[in-house]
Structures are given as structure tokens and as C-alpha cells.
N, C-alpha and C. Protein backbone atom coordinates (compact mmCIF):
# COMPACT_ATOMS: atom_id res chain seq x y z
N UNK A 1 7.95 -31.25 0.03
CA UNK A 1 7.69 -31.10 -1.38
C UNK A 1 8.83 -31.70 -2.19
N UNK A 2 8.46 -32.41 -3.21
CA UNK A 2 9.50 -33.00 -4.05
C UNK A 2 10.06 -31.97 -5.02
N UNK A 3 11.20 -32.30 -5.61
CA UNK A 3 11.84 -31.39 -6.54
C UNK A 3 11.00 -31.13 -7.78
N UNK A 4 10.30 -32.18 -8.24
CA UNK A 4 9.48 -32.01 -9.44
C UNK A 4 8.33 -31.04 -9.18
N UNK A 5 7.76 -31.11 -7.99
CA UNK A 5 6.64 -30.23 -7.68
C UNK A 5 7.10 -28.78 -7.56
N UNK A 6 8.34 -28.58 -7.08
CA UNK A 6 8.87 -27.23 -6.99
C UNK A 6 9.11 -26.63 -8.37
N UNK A 7 9.34 -27.45 -9.38
CA UNK A 7 9.50 -26.96 -10.75
C UNK A 7 8.15 -26.85 -11.44
N UNK A 8 7.24 -27.77 -11.12
CA UNK A 8 5.93 -27.81 -11.78
C UNK A 8 5.10 -26.56 -11.51
N UNK A 9 5.03 -26.13 -10.26
CA UNK A 9 4.17 -24.99 -9.92
C UNK A 9 4.59 -23.70 -10.63
N UNK A 10 5.87 -23.32 -10.61
CA UNK A 10 6.25 -22.11 -11.37
C UNK A 10 6.06 -22.28 -12.88
N UNK A 11 6.23 -23.51 -13.39
CA UNK A 11 6.05 -23.72 -14.83
C UNK A 11 4.61 -23.48 -15.24
N UNK A 12 3.67 -23.90 -14.41
CA UNK A 12 2.25 -23.65 -14.71
C UNK A 12 1.94 -22.16 -14.63
N UNK A 13 2.54 -21.48 -13.68
CA UNK A 13 2.33 -20.03 -13.56
C UNK A 13 2.89 -19.30 -14.77
N UNK A 14 4.08 -19.71 -15.21
CA UNK A 14 4.70 -19.08 -16.39
C UNK A 14 3.85 -19.35 -17.64
N UNK A 15 3.35 -20.56 -17.78
CA UNK A 15 2.52 -20.90 -18.94
C UNK A 15 1.23 -20.09 -18.94
N UNK A 16 0.60 -19.96 -17.79
CA UNK A 16 -0.64 -19.18 -17.75
C UNK A 16 -0.36 -17.69 -17.97
N UNK A 17 0.77 -17.21 -17.49
CA UNK A 17 1.14 -15.82 -17.75
C UNK A 17 1.36 -15.61 -19.25
N UNK A 18 1.98 -16.57 -19.91
CA UNK A 18 2.18 -16.48 -21.35
C UNK A 18 0.88 -16.42 -22.12
N UNK A 19 -0.14 -17.07 -21.60
CA UNK A 19 -1.45 -17.04 -22.27
C UNK A 19 -2.08 -15.65 -22.19
N UNK A 20 -1.83 -14.93 -21.11
CA UNK A 20 -2.49 -13.65 -20.92
C UNK A 20 -1.62 -12.44 -21.27
N UNK A 21 -0.38 -12.66 -21.68
CA UNK A 21 0.48 -11.53 -22.04
C UNK A 21 -0.08 -10.69 -23.18
N UNK A 22 -0.65 -11.28 -24.23
CA UNK A 22 -1.22 -10.41 -25.27
C UNK A 22 -2.36 -9.52 -24.76
N UNK A 23 -3.11 -10.00 -23.78
CA UNK A 23 -4.17 -9.17 -23.22
C UNK A 23 -3.60 -8.05 -22.35
N UNK A 24 -2.54 -8.35 -21.63
CA UNK A 24 -1.91 -7.34 -20.78
C UNK A 24 -1.08 -6.35 -21.57
N UNK A 25 -0.76 -6.67 -22.81
CA UNK A 25 0.12 -5.86 -23.65
C UNK A 25 -0.40 -4.43 -23.79
N UNK A 26 -1.70 -4.27 -23.96
CA UNK A 26 -2.26 -2.94 -24.16
C UNK A 26 -2.45 -2.16 -22.88
N UNK A 27 -2.52 -2.84 -21.75
CA UNK A 27 -2.86 -2.16 -20.51
C UNK A 27 -1.67 -1.88 -19.60
N UNK A 28 -0.62 -2.66 -19.71
CA UNK A 28 0.50 -2.54 -18.78
C UNK A 28 1.75 -2.10 -19.54
N UNK A 29 2.26 -0.89 -19.27
CA UNK A 29 3.43 -0.40 -20.01
C UNK A 29 4.67 -1.28 -19.86
N UNK A 30 4.86 -1.90 -18.69
CA UNK A 30 6.02 -2.77 -18.48
C UNK A 30 6.00 -3.95 -19.45
N UNK A 31 4.83 -4.52 -19.68
CA UNK A 31 4.70 -5.65 -20.60
C UNK A 31 4.99 -5.20 -22.03
N UNK A 32 4.56 -4.00 -22.38
CA UNK A 32 4.86 -3.45 -23.72
C UNK A 32 6.36 -3.32 -23.94
N UNK A 33 7.07 -2.82 -22.93
CA UNK A 33 8.53 -2.71 -23.05
C UNK A 33 9.19 -4.07 -23.06
N UNK A 34 8.66 -5.02 -22.29
CA UNK A 34 9.24 -6.36 -22.20
C UNK A 34 9.10 -7.13 -23.51
N UNK A 35 7.94 -7.05 -24.13
CA UNK A 35 7.68 -7.84 -25.34
C UNK A 35 8.08 -7.14 -26.63
N UNK A 36 8.21 -5.85 -26.61
CA UNK A 36 8.62 -5.12 -27.82
C UNK A 36 7.48 -4.95 -28.80
N UNK A 37 7.81 -4.92 -30.09
CA UNK A 37 6.81 -4.58 -31.10
C UNK A 37 5.99 -5.78 -31.56
N UNK A 38 6.48 -6.99 -31.36
CA UNK A 38 5.75 -8.18 -31.83
C UNK A 38 5.52 -9.14 -30.66
N UNK A 39 4.43 -8.97 -29.90
CA UNK A 39 4.26 -9.73 -28.66
C UNK A 39 3.79 -11.18 -28.86
N UNK A 40 3.12 -11.47 -29.95
CA UNK A 40 2.53 -12.80 -30.08
C UNK A 40 3.55 -13.93 -30.12
N UNK A 41 4.59 -13.89 -30.95
CA UNK A 41 5.56 -15.00 -30.94
C UNK A 41 6.27 -15.18 -29.60
N UNK A 42 6.55 -14.08 -28.91
CA UNK A 42 7.23 -14.17 -27.62
C UNK A 42 6.31 -14.77 -26.57
N UNK A 43 5.05 -14.39 -26.58
CA UNK A 43 4.13 -14.95 -25.59
C UNK A 43 3.82 -16.42 -25.90
N UNK A 44 3.76 -16.79 -27.18
CA UNK A 44 3.57 -18.20 -27.54
C UNK A 44 4.76 -19.05 -27.11
N UNK A 45 5.96 -18.53 -27.32
CA UNK A 45 7.16 -19.26 -26.91
C UNK A 45 7.19 -19.44 -25.40
N UNK A 46 6.85 -18.40 -24.66
CA UNK A 46 6.82 -18.49 -23.20
C UNK A 46 5.77 -19.49 -22.74
N UNK A 47 4.60 -19.46 -23.37
CA UNK A 47 3.54 -20.38 -23.01
C UNK A 47 3.93 -21.83 -23.31
N UNK A 48 4.47 -22.09 -24.50
CA UNK A 48 4.85 -23.45 -24.86
C UNK A 48 5.99 -23.98 -23.99
N UNK A 49 6.94 -23.12 -23.67
CA UNK A 49 8.03 -23.54 -22.80
C UNK A 49 7.51 -23.89 -21.40
N UNK A 50 6.63 -23.07 -20.88
CA UNK A 50 6.04 -23.34 -19.57
C UNK A 50 5.25 -24.62 -19.54
N UNK A 51 4.41 -24.84 -20.56
CA UNK A 51 3.61 -26.06 -20.59
C UNK A 51 4.47 -27.30 -20.81
N UNK A 52 5.54 -27.18 -21.59
CA UNK A 52 6.43 -28.33 -21.80
C UNK A 52 7.12 -28.72 -20.50
N UNK A 53 7.62 -27.74 -19.77
CA UNK A 53 8.27 -28.03 -18.49
C UNK A 53 7.25 -28.61 -17.51
N UNK A 54 6.05 -28.05 -17.48
CA UNK A 54 5.01 -28.56 -16.58
C UNK A 54 4.62 -29.99 -16.96
N UNK A 55 4.56 -30.28 -18.23
CA UNK A 55 4.18 -31.62 -18.69
C UNK A 55 5.20 -32.66 -18.24
N UNK A 56 6.48 -32.32 -18.39
CA UNK A 56 7.52 -33.29 -18.06
C UNK A 56 7.81 -33.39 -16.56
N UNK A 57 7.36 -32.44 -15.77
CA UNK A 57 7.59 -32.50 -14.33
C UNK A 57 6.33 -32.88 -13.56
N UNK A 58 5.24 -33.15 -14.24
CA UNK A 58 4.00 -33.53 -13.55
C UNK A 58 4.13 -34.93 -13.00
N UNK A 59 3.67 -35.12 -11.78
CA UNK A 59 3.61 -36.47 -11.22
C UNK A 59 2.28 -36.63 -10.51
N UNK A 60 1.71 -37.80 -10.67
CA UNK A 60 0.43 -38.09 -10.03
C UNK A 60 0.62 -38.13 -8.53
N UNK A 61 -0.29 -37.55 -7.81
CA UNK A 61 -0.18 -37.55 -6.35
C UNK A 61 -1.15 -38.54 -5.73
N UNK A 62 -0.86 -38.95 -4.54
CA UNK A 62 -1.74 -39.85 -3.81
C UNK A 62 -1.60 -41.29 -4.22
N UNK A 63 -2.46 -42.10 -3.63
CA UNK A 63 -2.44 -43.52 -3.91
C UNK A 63 -3.38 -43.82 -5.06
N UNK A 64 -3.08 -44.89 -5.74
CA UNK A 64 -3.98 -45.29 -6.84
C UNK A 64 -5.25 -45.89 -6.26
N UNK A 65 -6.36 -45.55 -6.87
CA UNK A 65 -7.64 -46.09 -6.43
C UNK A 65 -7.93 -47.37 -7.21
N UNK A 66 -8.38 -48.36 -6.54
CA UNK A 66 -8.75 -49.61 -7.19
C UNK A 66 -10.19 -49.94 -6.86
N UNK A 67 -10.83 -50.61 -7.78
CA UNK A 67 -12.21 -51.04 -7.54
C UNK A 67 -12.19 -52.23 -6.59
N UNK A 68 -13.07 -52.21 -5.63
CA UNK A 68 -13.08 -53.33 -4.68
C UNK A 68 -14.29 -54.21 -4.87
């Protein structure tokens, strides 16, 4: 595995977790304590940071396909 892929996979997981934190806020007490009284800006920041890191570490895999 390349270094970029090792960073890309956790970044995608963090970004997807950031998307669902507002939904988990009401059901999971740990998330309520983690995010405090205003969860939306914190979850948006986490999501945007994760997607930005994933965007810059993404690399195309495999060989390029050409029409023959």
C-alpha cells in the first residue's frame, strides 16, 4: 500500500463520520459530550477536513484503459 492510500482511507472514514455526527448526536451520549452544545459547525468542519484530505490524497489505481 502506498502512503497516499494509507492517508486516503482514514480520511474518507472521518468525512463520512462527520456527515452522520448530527444524527448520532441525539442517540449516543459520548457524541453529545464530544460535540458540546453546538454540533453542526463541528461536524461540518470535521467533514470538510476529511473530504479535503481525501481529495488531495486520492490517486487513480490501475492502468489506463485505451480504445483499441
